[in-house]
Amino acid sequence: MIGDQRWRPGKCRQAAECHGGEAGRPGCRGFTLIELLVVLSILALLLTLAVPRYLHSIEVSKEAVLRENLHLVRETIDKFYGDKGRYPDSLEELVSEKYLRSLPYDPITESTSTWTLIAPDAGDVGGGVYDLKSGAIGAARDGKPFADL
């Protein structure tokens, strides 16, 4: 009994009493199927708006990481050339000589071994890596192939 009101079947007492162990009583029910379906449909609508933006942002970030990795490795190759007077024989040499902490990661191919290595011209000083390019198939957002970044 709440105050001077009596509990009547079909009428739910205040929510606090229904959740206080009396949820099995008639008249104290949870959500209806329609209410759950409406909530799920709203959630599905919000997901259809959010997921494409999320997937697009992942692709944009992978491209940005690829560009940054290429820039840093090319800069490191130039520093190696400035110090040693020759180009490195491989990317592993840059790691063993402590110019890089680890082999660069290509986020598009998700590998460290898919790089396309470009050797210096025959008349130049020795070494095997003058430049590197991504081995990824496809193009960046600006239409430029990954291999030409």
C-alpha atoms as a PDB file:
ATOM      1  CA  MET A   1       0.000   0.000   0.000  1.00  0.00           C
ATOM      2  CA  ILE A   2       1.386   3.387  -1.054  1.00  0.00           C
ATOM      3  CA  GLY A   3       0.001   6.189   1.045  1.00  0.00           C
ATOM      4  CA  ASP A   4      -3.747   5.828   0.869  1.00  0.00           C
ATOM      5  CA  GLN A   5      -3.760   4.196  -2.591  1.00  0.00           C
ATOM      6  CA  ARG A   6      -4.234   0.477  -2.892  1.00  0.00           C
ATOM      7  CA  TRP A   7      -2.532  -1.650  -5.474  1.00  0.00           C
ATOM      8  CA  ARG A   8      -4.851  -2.702  -8.268  1.00  0.00           C
ATOM      9  CA  PRO A   9      -4.119  -5.343 -10.916  1.00  0.00           C
ATOM     10  CA  GLY A  10      -3.378  -3.823 -14.323  1.00  0.00           C
ATOM     11  CA  LYS A  11      -2.011  -0.647 -12.768  1.00  0.00           C
ATOM     12  CA  CYS A  12       1.689  -0.531 -12.042  1.00  0.00           C
ATOM     13  CA  ARG A  13       2.800   1.065  -8.844  1.00  0.00           C
ATOM     14  CA  GLN A  14       5.734   3.396  -8.914  1.00  0.00           C
ATOM     15  CA  ALA A  15       8.812   2.110 -10.742  1.00  0.00           C
ATOM     16  CA  ALA A  16      10.891   1.929  -7.592  1.00  0.00           C
ATOM     17  CA  GLU A  17       8.536  -0.600  -6.067  1.00  0.00           C
ATOM     18  CA  CYS A  18       8.354  -2.676  -9.242  1.00  0.00           C
ATOM     19  CA  HIS A  19      12.124  -3.022  -9.288  1.00  0.00           C
ATOM     20  CA  GLY A  20      12.331  -3.758  -5.581  1.00  0.00           C
ATOM     21  CA  GLY A  21      11.653  -7.455  -5.936  1.00  0.00           C
ATOM     22  CA  GLU A  22       8.025  -7.228  -7.007  1.00  0.00           C
ATOM     23  CA  ALA A  23       8.641  -7.355 -10.740  1.00  0.00           C
ATOM     24  CA  GLY A  24       6.779 -10.652 -11.018  1.00  0.00           C
ATOM     25  CA  ARG A  25       3.503  -9.131  -9.899  1.00  0.00           C
ATOM     26  CA  PRO A  26       0.908  -8.443 -12.550  1.00  0.00           C
ATOM     27  CA  GLY A  27       0.933  -4.857 -13.704  1.00  0.00           C
ATOM     28  CA  CYS A  28       4.645  -4.347 -13.063  1.00  0.00           C
ATOM     29  CA  ARG A  29       6.156  -5.134 -16.453  1.00  0.00           C
ATOM     30  CA  GLY A  30       9.357  -4.209 -18.254  1.00  0.00           C
ATOM     31  CA  PHE A  31       9.640  -2.945 -21.813  1.00  0.00           C
ATOM     32  CA  THR A  32       7.251  -4.063 -24.499  1.00  0.00           C
ATOM     33  CA  LEU A  33       8.414  -5.710 -27.697  1.00  0.00           C
ATOM     34  CA  ILE A  34       7.458  -2.614 -29.704  1.00  0.00           C
ATOM     35  CA  GLU A  35       9.562  -0.378 -27.467  1.00  0.00           C
ATOM     36  CA  LEU A  36      12.565  -2.672 -27.862  1.00  0.00           C
ATOM     37  CA  LEU A  37      12.120  -2.786 -31.637  1.00  0.00           C
ATOM     38  CA  VAL A  38      11.943   1.013 -31.830  1.00  0.00           C
ATOM     39  CA  VAL A  39      15.134   1.356 -29.796  1.00  0.00           C
ATOM     40  CA  LEU A  40      16.915  -1.245 -31.938  1.00  0.00           C
ATOM     41  CA  SER A  41      15.817   0.441 -35.156  1.00  0.00           C
ATOM     42  CA  ILE A  42      17.109   3.809 -33.919  1.00  0.00           C
ATOM     43  CA  LEU A  43      20.389   2.160 -32.961  1.00  0.00           C
ATOM     44  CA  ALA A  44      20.647   0.532 -36.403  1.00  0.00           C
ATOM     45  CA  LEU A  45      19.997   3.885 -38.079  1.00  0.00           C
ATOM     46  CA  LEU A  46      22.755   5.545 -36.064  1.00  0.00           C
ATOM     47  CA  LEU A  47      25.166   2.729 -36.914  1.00  0.00           C
ATOM     48  CA  THR A  48      24.454   3.071 -40.644  1.00  0.00           C
ATOM     49  CA  LEU A  49      25.515   6.705 -40.349  1.00  0.00           C
ATOM     50  CA  ALA A  50      28.600   6.128 -38.191  1.00  0.00           C
ATOM     51  CA  VAL A  51      30.202   2.982 -39.630  1.00  0.00           C
ATOM     52  CA  PRO A  52      30.973   4.339 -43.148  1.00  0.00           C
ATOM     53  CA  ARG A  53      32.651   7.397 -41.631  1.00  0.00           C
ATOM     54  CA  TYR A  54      34.684   5.148 -39.354  1.00  0.00           C
ATOM     55  CA  LEU A  55      35.807   2.893 -42.210  1.00  0.00           C
ATOM     56  CA  HIS A  56      36.701   5.933 -44.325  1.00  0.00           C
ATOM     57  CA  SER A  57      38.792   7.365 -41.486  1.00  0.00           C
ATOM     58  CA  ILE A  58      40.710   4.075 -41.230  1.00  0.00           C
ATOM     59  CA  GLU A  59      41.609   4.248 -44.933  1.00  0.00           C
ATOM     60  CA  VAL A  60      42.656   7.898 -44.606  1.00  0.00           C
ATOM     61  CA  SER A  61      44.872   7.091 -41.627  1.00  0.00           C
ATOM     62  CA  LYS A  62      46.511   4.149 -43.424  1.00  0.00           C
ATOM     63  CA  GLU A  63      47.357   6.419 -46.335  1.00  0.00           C
ATOM     64  CA  ALA A  64      48.781   9.055 -43.992  1.00  0.00           C
ATOM     65  CA  VAL A  65      50.945   6.453 -42.228  1.00  0.00           C
ATOM     66  CA  LEU A  66      52.206   5.177 -45.598  1.00  0.00           C
ATOM     67  CA  ARG A  67      53.175   8.678 -46.719  1.00  0.00           C
ATOM     68  CA  GLU A  68      54.921   9.362 -43.414  1.00  0.00           C
ATOM     69  CA  ASN A  69      56.807   6.037 -43.477  1.00  0.00           C
ATOM     70  CA  LEU A  70      57.984   6.677 -47.024  1.00  0.00           C
ATOM     71  CA  HIS A  71      59.134  10.177 -46.103  1.00  0.00           C
ATOM     72  CA  LEU A  72      61.042   8.996 -43.024  1.00  0.00           C
ATOM     73  CA  VAL A  73      62.753   6.090 -44.778  1.00  0.00           C
ATOM     74  CA  ARG A  74      63.775   8.253 -47.732  1.00  0.00           C
ATOM     75  CA  GLU A  75      65.175  10.807 -45.302  1.00  0.00           C
ATOM     76  CA  THR A  76      67.049   8.021 -43.493  1.00  0.00           C
ATOM     77  CA  ILE A  77      68.516   6.751 -46.778  1.00  0.00           C
ATOM     78  CA  ASP A  78      69.786  10.283 -47.478  1.00  0.00           C
ATOM     79  CA  LYS A  79      71.364  10.459 -43.997  1.00  0.00           C
ATOM     80  CA  PHE A  80      73.018   7.075 -44.543  1.00  0.00           C
ATOM     81  CA  TYR A  81      74.399   8.324 -47.856  1.00  0.00           C
ATOM     82  CA  GLY A  82      75.671  11.508 -46.204  1.00  0.00           C
ATOM     83  CA  ASP A  83      77.438   9.543 -43.454  1.00  0.00           C
ATOM     84  CA  LYS A  84      78.837   6.598 -45.438  1.00  0.00           C
ATOM     85  CA  GLY A  85      79.222   8.018 -48.954  1.00  0.00           C
ATOM     86  CA  ARG A  86      77.189   5.155 -50.422  1.00  0.00           C
ATOM     87  CA  TYR A  87      73.625   3.884 -50.364  1.00  0.00           C
ATOM     88  CA  PRO A  88      72.600   0.984 -48.116  1.00  0.00           C
ATOM     89  CA  ASP A  89      72.607  -2.505 -49.574  1.00  0.00           C
ATOM     90  CA  SER A  90      69.207  -3.288 -48.043  1.00  0.00           C
ATOM     91  CA  LEU A  91      66.655  -1.951 -45.595  1.00  0.00           C
ATOM     92  CA  GLU A  92      68.026  -4.419 -43.048  1.00  0.00           C
ATOM     93  CA  GLU A  93      71.352  -2.585 -43.176  1.00  0.00           C
ATOM     94  CA  LEU A  94      69.589   0.603 -42.064  1.00  0.00           C
ATOM     95  CA  VAL A  95      68.283  -1.327 -39.067  1.00  0.00           C
ATOM     96  CA  SER A  96      71.599  -3.025 -38.238  1.00  0.00           C
ATOM     97  CA  GLU A  97      73.462   0.306 -38.458  1.00  0.00           C
ATOM     98  CA  LYS A  98      70.848   1.841 -36.110  1.00  0.00           C
ATOM     99  CA  TYR A  99      69.484   4.323 -38.640  1.00  0.00           C
ATOM    100  CA  LEU A 100      66.053   2.728 -38.170  1.00  0.00           C
ATOM    101  CA  ARG A 101      64.693   0.910 -35.131  1.00  0.00           C
ATOM    102  CA  SER A 102      62.852  -1.637 -37.249  1.00  0.00           C
ATOM    103  CA  LEU A 103      61.897  -2.305 -40.832  1.00  0.00           C
ATOM    104  CA  PRO A 104      59.272   0.138 -42.092  1.00  0.00           C
ATOM    105  CA  TYR A 105      55.675  -1.063 -42.093  1.00  0.00           C
ATOM    106  CA  ASP A 106      53.438  -0.690 -45.131  1.00  0.00           C
ATOM    107  CA  PRO A 107      49.935  -0.208 -43.667  1.00  0.00           C
ATOM    108  CA  ILE A 108      48.200  -0.830 -46.984  1.00  0.00           C
ATOM    109  CA  THR A 109      49.718  -4.277 -47.520  1.00  0.00           C
ATOM    110  CA  GLU A 110      50.094  -4.814 -43.756  1.00  0.00           C
ATOM    111  CA  SER A 111      53.640  -6.081 -44.190  1.00  0.00           C
ATOM    112  CA  THR A 112      57.266  -5.031 -43.857  1.00  0.00           C
ATOM    113  CA  SER A 113      58.430  -7.081 -46.843  1.00  0.00           C
ATOM    114  CA  THR A 114      56.352  -5.744 -49.737  1.00  0.00           C
ATOM    115  CA  TRP A 115      58.429  -2.646 -50.446  1.00  0.00           C
ATOM    116  CA  THR A 116      59.714  -2.142 -53.979  1.00  0.00           C
ATOM    117  CA  LEU A 117      63.380  -1.195 -53.694  1.00  0.00           C
ATOM    118  CA  ILE A 118      64.958   1.023 -56.351  1.00  0.00           C
ATOM    119  CA  ALA A 119      68.709   0.686 -56.883  1.00  0.00           C
ATOM    120  CA  PRO A 120      70.908   3.677 -57.707  1.00  0.00           C
ATOM    121  CA  ASP A 121      72.090   4.245 -61.265  1.00  0.00           C
ATOM    122  CA  ALA A 122      75.077   2.133 -62.329  1.00  0.00           C
ATOM    123  CA  GLY A 123      77.414   5.168 -62.533  1.00  0.00           C
ATOM    124  CA  ASP A 124      76.593   6.306 -59.007  1.00  0.00           C
ATOM    125  CA  VAL A 125      78.240   5.137 -55.817  1.00  0.00           C
ATOM    126  CA  GLY A 126      77.542   1.644 -54.518  1.00  0.00           C
ATOM    127  CA  GLY A 127      74.608   0.329 -52.596  1.00  0.00           C
ATOM    128  CA  GLY A 128      71.342  -1.358 -53.380  1.00  0.00           C
ATOM    129  CA  VAL A 129      68.658   0.986 -52.067  1.00  0.00           C
ATOM    130  CA  TYR A 130      68.387   4.451 -53.608  1.00  0.00           C
ATOM    131  CA  ASP A 131      64.628   4.772 -53.029  1.00  0.00           C
ATOM    132  CA  LEU A 132      61.661   2.654 -52.061  1.00  0.00           C
ATOM    133  CA  LYS A 133      58.024   2.526 -53.062  1.00  0.00           C
ATOM    134  CA  SER A 134      54.991   0.768 -51.724  1.00  0.00           C
ATOM    135  CA  GLY A 135      54.133  -2.611 -53.181  1.00  0.00           C
ATOM    136  CA  ALA A 136      50.432  -1.968 -52.590  1.00  0.00           C
ATOM    137  CA  ILE A 137      47.941  -2.279 -55.421  1.00  0.00           C
ATOM    138  CA  GLY A 138      45.459   0.527 -55.839  1.00  0.00           C
ATOM    139  CA  ALA A 139      45.421   4.292 -55.583  1.00  0.00           C
ATOM    140  CA  ALA A 140      45.332   6.943 -52.900  1.00  0.00           C
ATOM    141  CA  ARG A 141      42.429   9.339 -52.393  1.00  0.00           C
ATOM    142  CA  ASP A 142      43.942  11.828 -54.838  1.00  0.00           C
ATOM    143  CA  GLY A 143      44.031   9.152 -57.571  1.00  0.00           C
ATOM    144  CA  LYS A 144      47.794   8.682 -57.456  1.00  0.00           C
ATOM    145  CA  PRO A 145      48.836   4.993 -57.367  1.00  0.00           C
ATOM    146  CA  PHE A 146      50.364   3.823 -54.087  1.00  0.00           C
ATOM    147  CA  ALA A 147      53.466   2.767 -56.011  1.00  0.00           C
ATOM    148  CA  ASP A 148      54.057   6.404 -57.052  1.00  0.00           C
ATOM    149  CA  LEU A 149      53.804   8.036 -53.627  1.00  0.00           C
END
